[in-house]
Protein backbone atom coordinates (compact mmCIF):
# COMPACT_ATOMS: atom_id res chain seq x y z
CA MET A 1 -19.38 26.26 -86.30
CA GLY A 2 -17.95 24.32 -83.60
CA ARG A 3 -19.99 22.82 -80.49
CA GLU A 4 -18.08 25.36 -78.31
CA GLN A 5 -19.16 28.14 -79.77
CA ILE A 6 -22.62 29.93 -79.26
CA SER A 7 -24.99 28.93 -81.95
CA ILE A 8 -27.32 31.63 -83.72
CA MET A 9 -31.08 31.08 -82.96
CA LYS A 10 -33.61 31.29 -85.93
CA ASN A 11 -34.40 35.14 -84.87
CA GLY A 12 -31.06 36.07 -84.47
CA THR A 13 -30.69 35.81 -80.99
CA SER A 14 -27.96 34.13 -79.28
CA ALA A 15 -28.02 30.93 -77.38
CA ALA A 16 -25.89 30.22 -74.68
CA PRO A 17 -23.90 26.97 -74.77
CA GLU A 18 -25.36 23.96 -72.84
CA SER A 19 -23.88 22.62 -70.14
CA PRO A 20 -21.17 19.65 -70.60
CA PRO A 21 -23.27 16.34 -70.25
CA GLN A 22 -20.80 15.20 -67.20
CA ASP A 23 -21.98 18.53 -65.61
CA ARG A 24 -25.35 17.43 -66.03
CA ARG A 25 -24.41 14.06 -65.15
CA ALA A 26 -23.00 15.05 -61.80
CA ARG A 27 -25.80 17.65 -61.03
CA GLN A 28 -28.24 14.56 -61.87
CA ARG A 29 -26.40 12.62 -59.25
CA GLU A 30 -26.28 14.97 -56.54
CA ARG A 31 -30.17 15.84 -56.63
CA ARG A 32 -30.74 11.95 -56.44
CA ARG A 33 -28.31 11.74 -53.55
CA ALA A 34 -30.22 14.53 -51.81
CA GLU A 35 -33.62 13.10 -52.53
CA LEU A 36 -32.48 9.26 -51.27
CA TYR A 37 -30.97 11.45 -48.04
CA ASP A 38 -34.39 13.28 -46.97
CA VAL A 39 -36.51 10.04 -47.97
CA ALA A 40 -34.17 8.34 -45.34
CA LEU A 41 -34.39 10.66 -42.88
CA ALA A 42 -38.19 11.04 -42.79
CA LEU A 43 -38.33 6.88 -42.44
CA PHE A 44 -35.88 6.69 -39.60
CA VAL A 45 -37.96 9.44 -37.87
CA GLU A 46 -41.39 7.27 -38.67
CA LYS A 47 -40.16 4.03 -38.62
CA THR A 48 -37.05 4.30 -36.75
CA TYR A 49 -33.29 3.75 -37.95
CA GLU A 50 -33.54 -0.06 -36.99
CA GLY A 51 -37.03 -0.38 -38.27
CA THR A 52 -36.15 1.25 -41.79
CA THR A 53 -34.57 -1.00 -44.52
CA MET A 54 -32.73 -0.01 -47.48
CA GLU A 55 -35.68 -1.74 -49.25
CA ASP A 56 -38.16 0.36 -47.78
CA ILE A 57 -35.76 3.58 -48.63
CA ALA A 58 -35.88 2.05 -52.06
CA GLU A 59 -39.60 1.95 -52.43
CA ARG A 60 -40.25 5.34 -51.00
CA ALA A 61 -38.01 6.95 -53.41
CA ASP A 62 -39.53 4.87 -56.38
CA VAL A 63 -36.07 3.89 -57.64
CA ALA A 64 -34.48 0.43 -57.39
CA ARG A 65 -32.36 -0.79 -54.38
CA THR A 66 -29.11 -0.54 -56.31
CA THR A 67 -29.68 2.66 -56.90
CA VAL A 68 -29.68 3.32 -53.07
CA PHE A 69 -26.21 1.41 -52.48
CA ASN A 70 -25.00 3.15 -55.60
CA HIS A 71 -25.30 6.61 -53.55
CA PHE A 72 -25.30 5.06 -49.74
CA PRO A 73 -23.45 1.70 -49.88
CA ARG A 74 -24.75 1.33 -45.85
CA LYS A 75 -27.13 2.02 -44.34
CA VAL A 76 -25.05 3.80 -41.49
CA ALA A 77 -24.09 5.89 -44.24
CA PHE A 78 -26.98 8.25 -44.05
CA LEU A 79 -26.08 8.78 -40.17
CA GLN A 80 -22.58 9.63 -41.36
CA GLU A 81 -23.85 12.28 -43.80
CA TRP A 82 -26.09 13.51 -41.55
CA ALA A 83 -23.34 14.33 -38.92
CA VAL A 84 -20.84 15.96 -41.75
CA ARG A 85 -23.97 18.10 -42.62
CA ARG A 86 -24.10 19.40 -39.08
CA ARG A 87 -20.29 19.61 -38.64
CA GLU A 88 -20.07 21.81 -41.49
CA LYS A 89 -22.51 23.99 -40.35
CA ALA A 90 -21.35 24.06 -36.63
CA ILE A 91 -17.68 24.74 -37.90
CA GLU A 92 -18.74 27.75 -40.46
CA ALA A 93 -20.88 29.39 -37.41
CA ALA A 94 -17.85 28.54 -35.26
CA TYR A 95 -15.47 30.80 -37.34
CA ALA A 96 -18.35 33.32 -38.38
CA ALA A 97 -16.45 35.84 -36.34
CA GLY A 98 -13.03 35.29 -37.80
CA PRO A 99 -9.97 32.80 -36.90
CA ASP A 100 -8.92 35.66 -34.07
CA SER A 101 -11.43 34.48 -31.53
CA SER A 102 -10.67 32.33 -28.46
CA ALA A 103 -10.66 28.86 -28.16
CA ARG A 104 -13.73 29.63 -26.00
CA GLU A 105 -15.44 31.77 -28.59
CA ILE A 106 -15.02 29.38 -31.06
CA LEU A 107 -16.41 26.35 -28.91
CA VAL A 108 -19.31 28.02 -27.92
CA ARG A 109 -20.06 29.16 -31.20
CA TYR A 110 -19.83 25.69 -32.47
CA PHE A 111 -21.79 24.29 -29.46
CA THR A 112 -24.57 26.53 -29.81
CA GLU A 113 -24.94 26.00 -33.30
CA MET A 114 -25.43 22.16 -32.73
CA GLY A 115 -27.62 22.84 -30.03
CA ARG A 116 -29.85 25.21 -32.20
CA LEU A 117 -29.70 22.80 -34.85
CA SER A 118 -30.49 20.06 -33.16
CA ASP A 119 -33.34 22.04 -31.45
CA ALA A 120 -34.98 23.11 -34.47
CA SER A 121 -35.30 19.92 -36.17
CA ARG A 122 -35.82 17.59 -32.91
CA PRO A 123 -37.64 14.44 -34.34
CA GLU A 124 -34.97 13.98 -36.92
CA SER A 125 -32.09 14.67 -34.52
CA VAL A 126 -33.79 11.89 -32.09
CA ALA A 127 -34.05 9.20 -35.03
CA VAL A 128 -30.55 9.87 -35.92
CA ILE A 129 -28.86 9.94 -32.64
CA LEU A 130 -30.86 7.17 -31.24
CA GLY A 131 -30.04 5.06 -34.48
CA SER A 132 -26.18 5.36 -34.14
CA VAL A 133 -26.18 4.64 -30.60
CA HIS A 134 -24.71 1.34 -31.41
CA SER A 135 -22.47 2.32 -34.08
CA THR A 136 -20.66 5.10 -32.54
CA ASN A 137 -17.39 4.53 -30.50
CA ILE A 138 -17.20 7.60 -28.19
CA TRP A 139 -13.65 6.51 -27.57
CA GLN A 140 -12.24 6.46 -31.00
CA ARG A 141 -10.80 9.52 -32.81
CA SER A 142 -13.48 10.58 -34.51
CA PRO A 143 -13.48 13.44 -36.97
CA LEU A 144 -15.53 15.56 -34.27
CA ALA A 145 -12.67 14.94 -32.07
CA VAL A 146 -9.81 15.66 -34.89
CA GLU A 147 -11.98 19.18 -35.28
CA PHE A 148 -11.90 20.07 -31.96
CA ALA A 149 -8.12 18.64 -31.32
CA GLY A 150 -7.55 21.55 -34.05
CA ILE A 151 -9.13 24.56 -32.28
CA ILE A 152 -6.82 23.68 -29.35
CA SER A 153 -3.71 23.46 -31.07
CA GLY A 154 -4.75 26.58 -33.09
CA ALA A 155 -5.03 28.15 -29.53
CA GLN A 156 -1.95 27.00 -28.38
CA GLN A 157 0.15 28.45 -30.84
CA LYS A 158 -1.30 31.73 -30.54
CA GLY A 159 -0.31 30.89 -26.46
CA GLU A 160 -3.62 31.01 -25.23
CA ILE A 161 -3.51 27.40 -24.14
CA ASP A 162 -0.31 25.70 -22.30
CA PRO A 163 1.50 24.07 -24.79
CA ALA A 164 2.16 21.01 -22.63
CA VAL A 165 -1.83 20.29 -23.02
CA ASN A 166 -2.42 16.96 -25.13
CA ALA A 167 -4.43 18.89 -27.88
CA ASP A 168 -5.82 15.27 -28.63
CA ARG A 169 -6.70 14.23 -25.68
CA VAL A 170 -8.61 17.55 -25.03
CA GLY A 171 -10.65 17.10 -28.41
CA LEU A 172 -11.45 13.46 -27.28
CA LEU A 173 -12.66 14.81 -24.22
CA LEU A 174 -15.17 17.49 -25.86
CA SER A 175 -16.40 14.86 -28.46
CA SER A 176 -17.00 12.23 -26.03
CA SER A 177 -18.95 14.64 -23.71
CA TYR A 178 -20.96 15.63 -26.95
CA TYR A 179 -21.73 12.36 -27.55
CA VAL A 180 -23.04 11.56 -24.47
CA ILE A 181 -25.12 14.84 -23.51
CA LEU A 182 -26.54 14.30 -26.94
CA THR A 183 -27.79 11.05 -26.37
CA ALA A 184 -29.01 11.94 -23.16
CA TRP A 185 -31.15 14.99 -24.49
CA ALA A 186 -32.41 12.41 -27.15
CA ALA A 187 -33.18 9.65 -25.19
CA GLU A 188 -36.33 11.45 -23.10
CA GLU A 189 -39.79 13.18 -24.21
CA PRO A 190 -39.74 15.73 -23.94
CA ALA A 191 -36.20 17.08 -24.00
CA PRO A 192 -34.93 16.52 -20.09
CA PHE A 193 -32.81 19.83 -20.26
CA ASP A 194 -31.38 22.70 -22.48
CA LEU A 195 -28.80 21.15 -24.86
CA THR A 196 -27.15 24.39 -25.85
CA ALA A 197 -26.74 25.27 -22.11
CA GLU A 198 -25.04 21.74 -21.30
CA MET A 199 -22.82 21.76 -24.10
CA THR A 200 -21.73 25.30 -23.20
CA GLY A 201 -21.43 24.59 -19.77
CA THR A 202 -19.08 21.65 -20.22
CA VAL A 203 -16.80 23.25 -22.52
CA ASP A 204 -16.05 25.73 -19.64
CA LEU A 205 -15.83 22.92 -17.42
CA ILE A 206 -13.32 21.39 -19.64
CA LEU A 207 -11.37 24.42 -20.42
CA ASN A 208 -11.02 25.58 -16.94
CA GLY A 209 -10.71 22.49 -14.83
CA VAL A 210 -12.04 21.40 -11.35
CA LEU A 211 -9.52 22.58 -9.16
CA PRO A 212 -9.07 26.07 -7.48
CA ARG A 213 -6.44 28.09 -9.87
């Protein structure tokens, strides 16, 4: 009987074929990566980002230092992973009501989810945000700025926003505002303002402008 076939057990029942070795290895690798990520975030909360070394992460996870580097080549990669996970959840929430929502509705849902996630895990959020202050250039075209620019471009195609507006510039303005607000929110204890209200208010300000209409 070939390996790909179902084997017959001694009791006459059928046993499902085992997963291919490469699939098992991929799952094991993902589990290890997730474990290292969780360990790193816990250490950032305990010791701050600057106070945590890759050796600390390896020791806490009970793995070789090279194992950590195999999954996260630099310590900043943990911050990048945190940001990617947040953006994925926020974009899912942003389009939860479907693609026909207005740009404002999409952005408000996006920032509302970001605010909810940050409030729900303030110690972790503060540790990561303050740790990323020196590694984030708010005036560069970050993945977040690209994401926002895409929302604005989509609204332009629907005739919702003036086509003469520079979508990339709006995306950069929204992302820069997000980083500034988030850093101010993380810098004080207790939180100095309602994060969601501040971010959604900024969305309205950017979309509506300040001059009388």
